[in-house]
Amino acid sequence: MTIVAVHGIANHQSGRSPDEAAAELSTQWGPKLRRGFTSAGLDDHPLPPLHVAYYAHHTIAAERQAGVPNLNSLGEQEQAIVVAWALSMGSPTLQERQGLATAPLRQLLSWVSQRRGIPLTTVTRLAVRLAGEVRRYLHVPEVRAAAQSVVAELIRRARPQVVLAHSLGSVVAYEALHAHPDLAVDCFVTLGSPLGLPGGVFDHLVPAPLADRGARPAGVGYWVNLADTGDLVAIPHRLGDRFPVDQHADTPMGTLDFHTFGTYLSSPLTAAAIAPFVGQPQIPDRVGKS
């Protein structure tokens, strides 16, 4: 038995080869997943090896690898992603929304900062990283193909029972599974996923949504979505409104560490979601309803 983890944004491992980076992330995240099992009261539950599908060397822009996140560096497509993302944070009045849609990005991000009670520097850093990697994945065909190939090849080789896909990784894994319907996964878990983000992600998915609904990949047996309601990337956080998710659960993680893969892996809800698929079935009730 194995688990494949697909990372999200801001996971580029500078100075390491893709294999070295995957091994390093696996070393970091394996103990966190075990911590989640302990928190769920599943200390004795068997936990198979965690293999990481590392694709960040494709989605990171070379000129931004070591730079400080800078709004002035964003191109038109990236600015459009930031606007779509920011406006999806809440439901301002039509007048407010029209004004924000044409406001300078810094003003728009200040609105997000005040609305969510998160420092502007944190919001800005996240927005720049999200927009850059999402833009390269969705709008540079060779990057999209390469990232999907990494995920598909590891799933084919490792034959996991569970795929844990975080952040942008949930988009890569979703499309890779659709592109390779022969790949079978007992349980697909999306964590902090932006799959349903209107304008920025949802409208660019392949296959394209039909009647405002995304489709389940053919090889996925069961789909669980976990999101922190305060996660700035998991917008909207209830994927069940747009995708055939079998279960959804909110997993509160705090205001400062609201999106990291390690924090999601440490959640007892993640452990409860995947335990039936990686070992003994005698566990607490499943995490919730879609």
Protein backbone atom coordinates (compact mmCIF):
# COMPACT_ATOMS: atom_id res chain seq x y z
CA MET A 1 0.00 0.00 0.00
CA THR A 2 1.16 3.53 -0.74
CA ILE A 3 0.01 7.15 -0.58
CA VAL A 4 0.88 9.77 -3.18
CA ALA A 5 1.03 13.40 -2.08
CA VAL A 6 0.81 16.21 -4.64
CA HIS A 7 2.16 19.50 -3.32
CA GLY A 8 0.79 22.99 -3.87
CA ILE A 9 2.25 26.46 -4.35
CA ALA A 10 5.46 27.71 -2.73
CA ASN A 11 7.16 24.30 -2.55
CA HIS A 12 10.05 24.83 -4.94
CA GLN A 13 13.19 23.26 -3.49
CA SER A 14 16.07 25.38 -4.76
CA GLY A 15 19.33 23.58 -5.41
CA ARG A 16 17.80 20.09 -5.41
CA SER A 17 17.01 17.78 -8.28
CA PRO A 18 13.33 16.79 -8.66
CA ASP A 19 14.04 13.38 -7.10
CA GLU A 20 15.92 14.96 -4.18
CA ALA A 21 13.13 17.51 -3.68
CA ALA A 22 10.46 14.78 -3.67
CA ALA A 23 12.45 12.79 -1.12
CA GLU A 24 12.95 15.85 1.09
CA LEU A 25 9.26 16.72 1.11
CA SER A 26 8.35 13.11 1.82
CA THR A 27 10.72 13.16 4.81
CA GLN A 28 9.07 16.35 6.08
CA TRP A 29 5.46 15.31 5.54
CA GLY A 30 5.44 11.66 6.56
CA PRO A 31 5.78 12.47 10.30
CA LYS A 32 3.06 15.13 10.01
CA LEU A 33 0.63 12.60 8.57
CA ARG A 34 1.51 10.24 11.41
CA ARG A 35 0.78 13.09 13.85
CA GLY A 36 -2.67 13.41 12.30
CA PHE A 37 -3.31 9.72 12.86
CA THR A 38 -2.23 10.11 16.49
CA SER A 39 -4.55 13.10 16.93
CA ALA A 40 -7.40 11.00 15.54
CA GLY A 41 -6.72 8.23 18.07
CA LEU A 42 -5.29 5.96 15.37
CA ASP A 43 -1.79 5.46 16.79
CA ASP A 44 -1.76 1.76 15.95
CA HIS A 45 -3.28 2.12 12.50
CA PRO A 46 -0.90 1.04 9.71
CA LEU A 47 0.40 3.96 7.65
CA PRO A 48 1.95 3.14 4.27
CA PRO A 49 4.86 5.01 2.69
CA LEU A 50 4.23 8.57 1.47
CA HIS A 51 5.54 9.36 -2.02
CA VAL A 52 5.59 12.96 -3.26
CA ALA A 53 4.86 14.01 -6.84
CA TYR A 54 7.18 17.02 -7.22
CA TYR A 55 6.46 19.37 -10.12
CA ALA A 56 7.40 22.81 -8.71
CA HIS A 57 10.48 23.06 -10.95
CA HIS A 58 7.99 23.42 -13.82
CA THR A 59 5.60 25.96 -12.29
CA ILE A 60 8.11 28.30 -10.66
CA ALA A 61 9.28 31.18 -12.83
CA ALA A 62 13.09 31.25 -12.90
CA GLU A 63 13.27 35.00 -12.33
CA ARG A 64 11.16 34.71 -9.16
CA GLN A 65 12.88 31.79 -7.45
CA ALA A 66 14.76 33.94 -4.93
CA GLY A 67 12.99 37.26 -5.24
CA VAL A 68 10.71 39.06 -2.80
CA PRO A 69 7.05 38.83 -3.90
CA ASN A 70 6.32 42.02 -5.83
CA LEU A 71 2.96 43.14 -7.19
CA ASN A 72 4.71 45.22 -9.84
CA SER A 73 6.13 42.03 -11.36
CA LEU A 74 2.71 40.59 -12.22
CA GLY A 75 1.64 40.38 -15.84
CA GLU A 76 -1.91 40.88 -17.11
CA GLN A 77 -2.96 37.23 -16.73
CA GLU A 78 -1.55 37.13 -13.20
CA GLN A 79 -3.31 40.36 -12.27
CA ALA A 80 -6.57 38.90 -13.55
CA ILE A 81 -6.04 35.84 -11.32
CA VAL A 82 -5.43 38.07 -8.28
CA VAL A 83 -8.59 40.08 -9.00
CA ALA A 84 -10.72 36.94 -9.46
CA TRP A 85 -9.25 35.43 -6.29
CA ALA A 86 -9.71 38.55 -4.18
CA LEU A 87 -13.29 39.18 -5.29
CA SER A 88 -14.17 35.59 -4.40
CA MET A 89 -13.27 36.24 -0.76
CA GLY A 90 -16.67 37.64 0.11
CA SER A 91 -19.88 39.13 -1.22
CA PRO A 92 -19.59 42.92 -1.29
CA THR A 93 -22.37 44.99 -2.77
CA LEU A 94 -22.49 45.34 -6.55
CA GLN A 95 -21.17 48.88 -6.28
CA GLU A 96 -18.27 47.77 -4.10
CA ARG A 97 -17.48 44.86 -6.41
CA GLN A 98 -17.47 47.08 -9.50
CA GLY A 99 -15.15 49.51 -7.78
CA LEU A 100 -12.80 46.81 -6.49
CA ALA A 101 -12.60 45.11 -9.87
CA THR A 102 -10.93 48.21 -11.31
CA ALA A 103 -8.99 49.22 -8.19
CA PRO A 104 -5.19 49.02 -7.99
CA LEU A 105 -4.08 45.59 -6.83
CA ARG A 106 -2.62 46.95 -3.60
CA GLN A 107 -5.98 48.49 -2.68
CA LEU A 108 -7.75 45.24 -3.54
CA LEU A 109 -5.37 43.22 -1.37
CA SER A 110 -5.76 45.74 1.45
CA TRP A 111 -9.50 45.01 1.30
CA VAL A 112 -8.78 41.27 1.59
CA SER A 113 -6.37 41.93 4.48
CA GLN A 114 -8.93 43.97 6.42
CA ARG A 115 -11.80 41.60 5.62
CA ARG A 116 -9.89 38.53 6.80
CA GLY A 117 -7.82 40.12 9.56
CA ILE A 118 -4.55 38.91 8.03
CA PRO A 119 -1.47 41.16 7.61
CA LEU A 120 -1.22 42.81 4.20
CA THR A 121 2.32 41.48 3.72
CA THR A 122 1.03 37.91 4.15
CA VAL A 123 -1.84 38.47 1.72
CA THR A 124 0.46 40.08 -0.85
CA ARG A 125 3.05 37.32 -0.64
CA LEU A 126 0.38 34.66 -1.07
CA ALA A 127 -1.29 36.49 -3.97
CA VAL A 128 1.95 36.86 -5.93
CA ARG A 129 2.94 33.23 -5.44
CA LEU A 130 -0.54 31.93 -6.22
CA ALA A 131 -0.94 34.04 -9.34
CA GLY A 132 2.52 33.19 -10.67
CA GLU A 133 2.27 29.42 -10.32
CA VAL A 134 -1.39 29.21 -11.34
CA ARG A 135 -0.72 31.31 -14.43
CA ARG A 136 2.23 29.19 -15.51
CA TYR A 137 0.29 25.97 -14.98
CA LEU A 138 -2.97 27.04 -16.64
CA HIS A 139 -1.62 29.22 -19.44
CA VAL A 140 1.73 27.69 -20.48
CA PRO A 141 0.84 24.41 -22.25
CA GLU A 142 4.24 22.76 -21.86
CA VAL A 143 4.23 23.52 -18.11
CA ARG A 144 0.74 22.05 -17.73
CA ALA A 145 1.69 18.91 -19.61
CA ALA A 146 4.93 18.45 -17.67
CA ALA A 147 3.30 18.90 -14.26
CA GLN A 148 0.52 16.44 -15.12
CA SER A 149 3.07 13.96 -16.42
CA VAL A 150 4.94 14.00 -13.09
CA VAL A 151 1.73 13.22 -11.19
CA ALA A 152 0.44 10.59 -13.62
CA GLU A 153 3.77 8.77 -13.82
CA LEU A 154 4.10 8.52 -10.05
CA ILE A 155 0.52 7.30 -9.64
CA ARG A 156 1.09 4.70 -12.36
CA ARG A 157 4.35 3.56 -10.78
CA ALA A 158 3.34 3.64 -7.10
CA ARG A 159 -0.28 2.46 -7.59
CA PRO A 160 -1.48 4.30 -4.46
CA GLN A 161 -4.73 3.66 -2.65
CA VAL A 162 -4.89 7.35 -1.71
CA VAL A 163 -3.88 10.57 -3.46
CA LEU A 164 -3.57 13.62 -1.19
CA ALA A 165 -3.58 16.74 -3.36
CA HIS A 166 -2.99 20.17 -1.85
CA SER A 167 -3.62 23.67 -3.19
CA LEU A 168 -2.59 23.98 -6.87
CA GLY A 169 -1.65 20.30 -6.63
CA SER A 170 -5.36 19.47 -6.44
CA VAL A 171 -5.81 21.11 -9.85
CA VAL A 172 -2.81 19.27 -11.32
CA ALA A 173 -3.96 15.92 -9.89
CA TYR A 174 -7.58 16.45 -10.96
CA GLU A 175 -6.57 17.15 -14.55
CA ALA A 176 -3.93 14.39 -14.60
CA LEU A 177 -6.49 11.82 -13.44
CA HIS A 178 -8.92 13.01 -16.10
CA ALA A 179 -6.22 12.85 -18.76
CA HIS A 180 -5.33 9.28 -17.76
CA PRO A 181 -8.63 7.50 -17.03
CA ASP A 182 -6.80 4.19 -16.68
CA LEU A 183 -5.32 5.38 -13.38
CA ALA A 184 -7.36 4.02 -10.46
CA VAL A 185 -7.35 5.67 -7.02
CA ASP A 186 -9.52 4.39 -4.17
CA CYS A 187 -9.62 7.77 -2.42
CA PHE A 188 -8.86 11.23 -3.80
CA VAL A 189 -8.44 13.87 -1.08
CA THR A 190 -8.31 17.55 -2.01
CA LEU A 191 -6.87 19.82 0.67
CA GLY A 192 -7.13 23.61 0.59
CA SER A 193 -8.19 23.36 -3.04
CA PRO A 194 -8.86 26.29 -5.43
CA LEU A 195 -10.53 24.03 -8.02
CA GLY A 196 -13.78 25.98 -7.78
CA LEU A 197 -12.23 29.46 -7.98
CA PRO A 198 -14.33 31.32 -10.56
CA GLY A 199 -12.41 33.20 -13.22
CA GLY A 200 -8.99 32.23 -11.94
CA VAL A 201 -9.15 28.39 -12.11
CA PHE A 202 -12.61 26.84 -12.58
CA ASP A 203 -13.23 28.36 -16.01
CA HIS A 204 -9.90 27.08 -17.34
CA LEU A 205 -10.13 23.44 -16.24
CA VAL A 206 -9.67 20.56 -18.67
CA PRO A 207 -12.10 18.97 -19.20
CA ALA A 208 -14.22 22.11 -19.17
CA PRO A 209 -17.06 22.15 -16.63
CA LEU A 210 -20.54 21.46 -18.01
CA ALA A 211 -23.55 23.39 -16.70
CA ASP A 212 -21.26 24.96 -14.08
CA ARG A 213 -20.24 21.54 -12.74
CA GLY A 214 -16.90 19.77 -12.82
CA ALA A 215 -16.73 16.00 -13.35
CA ARG A 216 -15.26 13.22 -11.25
CA PRO A 217 -12.17 11.62 -12.83
CA ALA A 218 -13.12 8.14 -14.09
CA GLY A 219 -10.60 6.30 -11.91
CA VAL A 220 -11.52 7.96 -8.61
CA GLY A 221 -13.53 5.75 -6.30
CA TYR A 222 -14.19 8.20 -3.44
CA TRP A 223 -13.57 11.95 -3.18
CA VAL A 224 -13.04 13.84 0.08
CA ASN A 225 -12.50 17.60 0.29
CA LEU A 226 -11.05 19.22 3.40
CA ALA A 227 -10.68 22.98 3.81
CA ASP A 228 -10.09 25.51 6.53
CA THR A 229 -12.80 28.17 6.27
CA GLY A 230 -10.02 30.73 6.76
CA ASP A 231 -7.82 29.29 4.00
CA LEU A 232 -7.25 32.08 1.48
CA VAL A 233 -6.52 29.61 -1.32
CA ALA A 234 -9.48 27.26 -0.79
CA ILE A 235 -11.97 29.61 -2.44
CA PRO A 236 -14.78 28.56 -2.43
CA HIS A 237 -13.99 25.99 0.23
CA ARG A 238 -17.04 23.76 -0.37
CA LEU A 239 -16.17 21.99 -3.61
CA GLY A 240 -19.36 19.95 -3.36
CA ASP A 241 -21.24 22.92 -4.80
CA ARG A 242 -19.39 22.51 -8.11
CA PHE A 243 -17.94 18.99 -8.08
CA PRO A 244 -19.25 15.50 -7.22
CA VAL A 245 -17.45 15.40 -3.86
CA ASP A 246 -18.53 12.50 -1.62
CA GLN A 247 -17.51 14.16 1.66
CA HIS A 248 -16.57 17.64 2.79
CA ALA A 249 -15.31 18.78 6.16
CA ASP A 250 -14.06 22.06 7.59
CA THR A 251 -10.78 21.70 9.45
CA PRO A 252 -9.92 24.87 11.43
CA MET A 253 -6.18 25.52 11.58
CA GLY A 254 -5.77 29.09 12.86
CA THR A 255 -5.19 32.45 11.19
CA LEU A 256 -1.41 32.26 10.68
CA ASP A 257 -0.95 28.72 9.37
CA PHE A 258 -4.08 28.40 7.29
CA HIS A 259 -2.80 26.80 4.09
CA THR A 260 0.36 24.71 4.50
CA PHE A 261 0.28 21.08 3.40
CA GLY A 262 1.92 20.01 6.65
CA THR A 263 -0.88 21.51 8.70
CA TYR A 264 -3.54 19.74 6.63
CA LEU A 265 -1.63 16.46 6.94
CA SER A 266 -1.50 16.88 10.73
CA SER A 267 -5.27 17.24 10.94
CA PRO A 268 -7.16 14.30 12.47
CA LEU A 269 -9.79 14.81 9.77
CA THR A 270 -7.25 13.90 7.11
CA ALA A 271 -6.37 10.75 9.01
CA ALA A 272 -10.06 9.83 9.46
CA ALA A 273 -10.68 10.36 5.75
CA ILE A 274 -7.93 8.09 4.48
CA ALA A 275 -7.70 5.44 7.22
CA PRO A 276 -10.42 3.19 5.70
CA PHE A 277 -8.40 3.00 2.49
CA VAL A 278 -4.95 2.26 3.89
CA GLY A 279 -5.54 -0.32 6.58
CA GLN A 280 -7.96 -1.62 9.18
CA PRO A 281 -11.51 -0.32 8.74
CA GLN A 282 -12.35 -0.05 12.45
CA ILE A 283 -12.17 3.72 12.80
CA PRO A 284 -14.41 6.61 13.88
CA ASP A 285 -17.27 7.72 11.65
CA ARG A 286 -16.28 9.34 8.40
CA VAL A 287 -15.56 13.03 8.32
CA GLY A 288 -18.88 14.47 7.18
CA LYS A 289 -21.26 14.88 4.29
CA SER A 290 -20.90 16.73 1.07
